[in-house]
Protein backbone atom coordinates (compact mmCIF):
# COMPACT_ATOMS: atom_id res chain seq x y z
CA UNK A 1 40.59 62.97 72.12
CA UNK A 2 40.99 66.11 74.00
CA UNK A 3 40.02 63.92 77.01
CA UNK A 4 42.98 62.24 77.21
CA UNK A 5 44.86 65.30 76.37
CA UNK A 6 43.67 66.68 79.65
CA UNK A 7 44.35 63.26 81.32
CA UNK A 8 47.68 63.36 80.18
CA UNK A 9 48.22 67.01 80.99
CA UNK A 10 47.18 66.00 84.85
CA UNK A 11 49.35 62.83 85.29
CA UNK A 12 52.36 64.81 84.23
CA UNK A 13 51.63 67.50 86.48
CA UNK A 14 51.13 64.82 89.67
CA UNK A 15 54.44 63.62 88.82
CA UNK A 16 55.65 66.85 88.87
CA UNK A 17 54.36 67.27 92.11
CA UNK A 18 55.15 64.03 93.47
CA UNK A 19 58.69 64.60 92.37
CA UNK A 20 58.78 68.41 93.86
CA UNK A 21 57.38 66.48 97.14
CA UNK A 22 60.30 63.74 97.36
CA UNK A 23 62.89 66.37 96.27
CA UNK A 24 62.12 68.77 99.30
CA UNK A 25 61.82 65.62 101.96
CA UNK A 26 65.34 64.53 100.99
CA UNK A 27 66.16 67.89 101.19
CA UNK A 28 64.77 68.63 104.32
CA UNK A 29 66.16 65.34 105.75
CA UNK A 30 69.84 66.07 104.75
CA UNK A 31 69.32 69.30 106.56
CA UNK A 32 68.21 68.14 109.72
CA UNK A 33 70.75 65.49 110.13
CA UNK A 34 73.38 68.09 109.19
CA UNK A 35 71.77 70.49 111.70
CA UNK A 36 71.58 67.47 114.62
CA UNK A 37 75.39 66.82 113.97
CA UNK A 38 76.82 70.13 113.96
CA UNK A 39 74.40 70.94 117.55
CA UNK A 40 75.58 67.93 118.86
CA UNK A 41 79.41 69.11 117.90
CA UNK A 42 78.91 72.93 120.29
CA UNK A 43 80.11 71.72 123.72
CA UNK A 44 83.45 70.36 121.92
CA UNK A 45 83.40 74.31 119.77
CA UNK A 46 82.70 75.96 122.94
CA UNK A 47 86.00 73.95 124.52
CA UNK A 48 88.50 74.62 121.22
CA UNK A 49 87.16 77.92 120.82
CA UNK A 50 90.31 79.48 123.33
CA UNK A 51 92.23 77.38 120.62
CA UNK A 52 91.27 79.01 117.61
CA UNK A 53 91.40 82.17 119.64
CA UNK A 54 95.03 81.81 119.75
CA UNK A 55 95.53 80.52 116.63
CA UNK A 56 93.75 84.10 114.96
CA UNK A 57 95.55 86.13 117.79
CA UNK A 58 98.87 84.18 115.94
CA UNK A 59 97.48 85.64 112.35
CA UNK A 60 97.07 88.52 113.02
CA UNK A 61 101.00 89.11 114.83
CA UNK A 62 102.19 87.21 111.93
CA UNK A 63 100.13 89.17 109.16
CA UNK A 64 101.98 92.50 111.33
CA UNK A 65 104.84 91.57 111.42
CA UNK A 66 104.81 90.84 107.69
CA UNK A 67 103.39 94.26 106.94
CA UNK A 68 106.07 95.98 109.42
CA UNK A 69 108.75 93.99 107.22
CA UNK A 70 107.51 94.96 103.50
CA UNK A 71 107.06 98.52 105.12
CA UNK A 72 110.81 98.46 106.61
CA UNK A 73 112.10 97.48 103.14
CA UNK A 74 110.09 100.01 101.02
CA UNK A 75 111.48 102.35 103.81
CA UNK A 76 114.84 101.19 102.50
CA UNK A 77 114.30 101.23 98.87
CA UNK A 78 112.94 105.01 99.26
CA UNK A 79 116.10 106.38 101.23
CA UNK A 80 118.60 104.38 98.61
CA UNK A 81 116.80 106.21 95.75
CA UNK A 82 116.46 109.35 97.83
CA UNK A 83 120.51 109.11 98.23
CA UNK A 84 121.25 108.28 94.59
CA UNK A 85 119.20 111.35 93.49
CA UNK A 86 121.21 113.52 95.80
CA UNK A 87 124.27 111.75 94.24
CA UNK A 88 123.18 112.05 90.70
CA UNK A 89 122.57 116.22 91.20
CA UNK A 90 125.75 116.53 92.97
CA UNK A 91 127.43 114.95 89.91
CA UNK A 92 125.36 116.81 87.75
CA UNK A 93 125.96 120.11 88.99
CA UNK A 94 130.12 119.00 88.94
CA UNK A 95 129.51 118.04 85.37
CA UNK A 96 127.55 120.61 84.28
CA UNK A 97 129.89 123.25 85.76
CA UNK A 98 133.11 121.48 84.24
CA UNK A 99 131.46 121.06 80.86
CA UNK A 100 130.59 125.03 81.36
CA UNK A 101 134.02 126.03 82.17
CA UNK A 102 135.43 123.86 79.10
CA UNK A 103 133.14 125.52 76.91
CA UNK A 104 134.30 129.10 78.44
CA UNK A 105 138.22 127.81 78.29
CA UNK A 106 137.30 127.34 74.38
CA UNK A 107 135.61 130.25 73.70
CA UNK A 108 138.69 132.18 75.22
CA UNK A 109 141.63 130.48 73.00
């Protein structure tokens, strides 16, 4: 009985090794096919690299323009907020002065 179990274990190990070799072979074939495909396209990539650089330059320029626009929007908002703050301080001081003068008038009467 022990001999049969040992033989079964050996057969299972052999099947696992065979499966590993087959999977490795298939993976190797896929990798070799992929490598040959992309190496054969190397000359086309070199020809098109100038167009790709131009695309990246356009992307860089558009991104820079977008950030400049965002910065100008924030500058406009901050100037409006600061002018609102100045307006609020002026109105608050005149309101306080009016309120204090009203209080003085009431106490005098």
